[in-house]
């Protein structure tokens, strides 16, 4: 997914909130997995 890659690059630019962005990325990945299973 190109959109997710762009978001990751933008998030990586913000080093001050690196831990927050990492946790958000993990949540998004889990959410996507749940969506796939539901489909």
PDB file of N, CA and C in Angstrom:
ATOM      1  N   UNK A   1       0.841  -1.193   0.000  1.00  0.00           N
ATOM      2  CA  UNK A   1       0.000   0.000   0.000  1.00  0.00           C
ATOM      3  C   UNK A   1       0.879   1.247   0.000  1.00  0.00           C
ATOM      4  N   UNK A   2       0.749   2.028  -1.048  1.00  0.00           N
ATOM      5  CA  UNK A   2       1.608   3.212  -1.180  1.00  0.00           C
ATOM      6  C   UNK A   2       1.293   4.248  -0.105  1.00  0.00           C
ATOM      7  N   UNK A   3       0.015   4.375   0.221  1.00  0.00           N
ATOM      8  CA  UNK A   3      -0.377   5.386   1.216  1.00  0.00           C
ATOM      9  C   UNK A   3       0.290   5.120   2.559  1.00  0.00           C
ATOM     10  N   UNK A   4       0.289   3.848   2.975  1.00  0.00           N
ATOM     11  CA  UNK A   4       0.903   3.501   4.256  1.00  0.00           C
ATOM     12  C   UNK A   4       2.396   3.805   4.236  1.00  0.00           C
ATOM     13  N   UNK A   5       3.047   3.514   3.123  1.00  0.00           N
ATOM     14  CA  UNK A   5       4.483   3.790   3.023  1.00  0.00           C
ATOM     15  C   UNK A   5       4.751   5.278   3.160  1.00  0.00           C
ATOM     16  N   UNK A   6       3.923   6.095   2.532  1.00  0.00           N
ATOM     17  CA  UNK A   6       4.100   7.550   2.647  1.00  0.00           C
ATOM     18  C   UNK A   6       3.907   7.993   4.082  1.00  0.00           C
ATOM     19  N   UNK A   7       2.894   7.434   4.743  1.00  0.00           N
ATOM     20  CA  UNK A   7       2.635   7.791   6.135  1.00  0.00           C
ATOM     21  C   UNK A   7       3.817   7.393   7.010  1.00  0.00           C
ATOM     22  N   UNK A   8       4.364   6.215   6.762  1.00  0.00           N
ATOM     23  CA  UNK A   8       5.512   5.760   7.556  1.00  0.00           C
ATOM     24  C   UNK A   8       6.688   6.712   7.381  1.00  0.00           C
ATOM     25  N   UNK A   9       6.940   7.135   6.144  1.00  0.00           N
ATOM     26  CA  UNK A   9       8.056   8.053   5.893  1.00  0.00           C
ATOM     27  C   UNK A   9       7.832   9.371   6.619  1.00  0.00           C
ATOM     28  N   UNK A  10       6.597   9.861   6.589  1.00  0.00           N
ATOM     29  CA  UNK A  10       6.289  11.117   7.280  1.00  0.00           C
ATOM     30  C   UNK A  10       6.471  10.953   8.772  1.00  0.00           C
ATOM     31  N   UNK A  11       5.990   9.828   9.305  1.00  0.00           N
ATOM     32  CA  UNK A  11       6.091   9.584  10.747  1.00  0.00           C
ATOM     33  C   UNK A  11       7.559   9.467  11.169  1.00  0.00           C
ATOM     34  N   UNK A  12       8.360   8.802  10.337  1.00  0.00           N
ATOM     35  CA  UNK A  12       9.774   8.630  10.675  1.00  0.00           C
ATOM     36  C   UNK A  12      10.481   9.979  10.739  1.00  0.00           C
ATOM     37  N   UNK A  13       9.974  10.952  10.013  1.00  0.00           N
ATOM     38  CA  UNK A  13      10.599  12.275  10.029  1.00  0.00           C
ATOM     39  C   UNK A  13      10.430  12.921  11.400  1.00  0.00           C
ATOM     40  N   UNK A  14       9.337  12.591  12.080  1.00  0.00           N
ATOM     41  CA  UNK A  14       9.124  13.144  13.419  1.00  0.00           C
ATOM     42  C   UNK A  14       9.802  12.244  14.451  1.00  0.00           C
ATOM     43  N   UNK A  15      11.025  12.545  14.781  1.00  0.00           N
ATOM     44  CA  UNK A  15      11.776  11.684  15.715  1.00  0.00           C
ATOM     45  C   UNK A  15      11.335  11.906  17.156  1.00  0.00           C
ATOM     46  N   UNK A  16      10.725  13.055  17.423  1.00  0.00           N
ATOM     47  CA  UNK A  16      10.285  13.347  18.794  1.00  0.00           C
ATOM     48  C   UNK A  16       9.192  12.388  19.243  1.00  0.00           C
ATOM     49  N   UNK A  17       8.348  11.985  18.306  1.00  0.00           N
ATOM     50  CA  UNK A  17       7.247  11.092  18.670  1.00  0.00           C
ATOM     51  C   UNK A  17       7.432   9.726  18.014  1.00  0.00           C
ATOM     52  N   UNK A  18       8.660   9.252  18.007  1.00  0.00           N
ATOM     53  CA  UNK A  18       8.960   7.971  17.352  1.00  0.00           C
ATOM     54  C   UNK A  18       8.225   6.829  18.037  1.00  0.00           C
ATOM     55  N   UNK A  19       8.197   6.828  19.352  1.00  0.00           N
ATOM     56  CA  UNK A  19       7.530   5.739  20.078  1.00  0.00           C
ATOM     57  C   UNK A  19       6.038   5.750  19.791  1.00  0.00           C
ATOM     58  N   UNK A  20       5.457   6.949  19.751  1.00  0.00           N
ATOM     59  CA  UNK A  20       4.021   7.051  19.463  1.00  0.00           C
ATOM     60  C   UNK A  20       3.719   6.539  18.072  1.00  0.00           C
ATOM     61  N   UNK A  21       4.508   6.947  17.108  1.00  0.00           N
ATOM     62  CA  UNK A  21       4.257   6.538  15.717  1.00  0.00           C
ATOM     63  C   UNK A  21       4.425   5.033  15.574  1.00  0.00           C
ATOM     64  N   UNK A  22       5.420   4.477  16.248  1.00  0.00           N
ATOM     65  CA  UNK A  22       5.628   3.021  16.157  1.00  0.00           C
ATOM     66  C   UNK A  22       4.416   2.278  16.708  1.00  0.00           C
ATOM     67  N   UNK A  23       3.918   2.743  17.826  1.00  0.00           N
ATOM     68  CA  UNK A  23       2.743   2.083  18.414  1.00  0.00           C
ATOM     69  C   UNK A  23       1.539   2.232  17.490  1.00  0.00           C
ATOM     70  N   UNK A  24       1.410   3.412  16.879  1.00  0.00           N
ATOM     71  CA  UNK A  24       0.290   3.636  15.954  1.00  0.00           C
ATOM     72  C   UNK A  24       0.402   2.706  14.753  1.00  0.00           C
ATOM     73  N   UNK A  25       1.610   2.556  14.231  1.00  0.00           N
ATOM     74  CA  UNK A  25       1.800   1.673  13.073  1.00  0.00           C
ATOM     75  C   UNK A  25       1.420   0.242  13.435  1.00  0.00           C
ATOM     76  N   UNK A  26       1.804  -0.189  14.624  1.00  0.00           N
ATOM     77  CA  UNK A  26       1.465  -1.551  15.048  1.00  0.00           C
ATOM     78  C   UNK A  26      -0.051  -1.709  15.148  1.00  0.00           C
ATOM     79  N   UNK A  27      -0.706  -0.688  15.689  1.00  0.00           N
ATOM     80  CA  UNK A  27      -2.169  -0.754  15.809  1.00  0.00           C
ATOM     81  C   UNK A  27      -2.809  -0.812  14.431  1.00  0.00           C
ATOM     82  N   UNK A  28      -2.295  -0.018  13.508  1.00  0.00           N
ATOM     83  CA  UNK A  28      -2.852  -0.005  12.145  1.00  0.00           C
ATOM     84  C   UNK A  28      -2.673  -1.367  11.492  1.00  0.00           C
ATOM     85  N   UNK A  29      -1.503  -1.961  11.662  1.00  0.00           N
ATOM     86  CA  UNK A  29      -1.252  -3.277  11.057  1.00  0.00           C
ATOM     87  C   UNK A  29      -2.191  -4.316  11.647  1.00  0.00           C
ATOM     88  N   UNK A  30      -2.387  -4.270  12.953  1.00  0.00           N
ATOM     89  CA  UNK A  30      -3.306  -5.218  13.589  1.00  0.00           C
ATOM     90  C   UNK A  30      -4.719  -5.000  13.072  1.00  0.00           C
ATOM     91  N   UNK A  31      -5.097  -3.731  12.942  1.00  0.00           N
ATOM     92  CA  UNK A  31      -6.435  -3.409  12.457  1.00  0.00           C
ATOM     93  C   UNK A  31      -6.639  -3.940  11.044  1.00  0.00           C
ATOM     94  N   UNK A  32      -5.632  -3.784  10.202  1.00  0.00           N
ATOM     95  CA  UNK A  32      -5.729  -4.281   8.826  1.00  0.00           C
ATOM     96  C   UNK A  32      -5.859  -5.803   8.822  1.00  0.00           C
ATOM     97  N   UNK A  33      -5.129  -6.458   9.700  1.00  0.00           N
ATOM     98  CA  UNK A  33      -5.217  -7.922   9.770  1.00  0.00           C
ATOM     99  C   UNK A  33      -6.623  -8.350  10.165  1.00  0.00           C
ATOM    100  N   UNK A  34      -7.208  -7.650  11.126  1.00  0.00           N
ATOM    101  CA  UNK A  34      -8.568  -7.974  11.565  1.00  0.00           C
ATOM    102  C   UNK A  34      -9.546  -7.770  10.417  1.00  0.00           C
ATOM    103  N   UNK A  35      -9.346  -6.695   9.656  1.00  0.00           N
ATOM    104  CA  UNK A  35     -10.238  -6.433   8.520  1.00  0.00           C
ATOM    105  C   UNK A  35     -10.135  -7.571   7.505  1.00  0.00           C
ATOM    106  N   UNK A  36      -8.937  -8.024   7.246  1.00  0.00           N
ATOM    107  CA  UNK A  36      -8.748  -9.113   6.278  1.00  0.00           C
ATOM    108  C   UNK A  36      -9.460 -10.375   6.747  1.00  0.00           C
ATOM    109  N   UNK A  37      -9.361 -10.659   8.041  1.00  0.00           N
ATOM    110  CA  UNK A  37     -10.004 -11.863   8.566  1.00  0.00           C
ATOM    111  C   UNK A  37     -11.521 -11.726   8.496  1.00  0.00           C
ATOM    112  N   UNK A  38     -12.018 -10.536   8.774  1.00  0.00           N
ATOM    113  CA  UNK A  38     -13.471 -10.324   8.735  1.00  0.00           C
ATOM    114  C   UNK A  38     -13.999 -10.470   7.309  1.00  0.00           C
ATOM    115  N   UNK A  39     -13.184 -10.049   6.334  1.00  0.00           N
ATOM    116  CA  UNK A  39     -13.608 -10.190   4.939  1.00  0.00           C
ATOM    117  C   UNK A  39     -13.527 -11.662   4.541  1.00  0.00           C
TER     118      UNK A  39
END
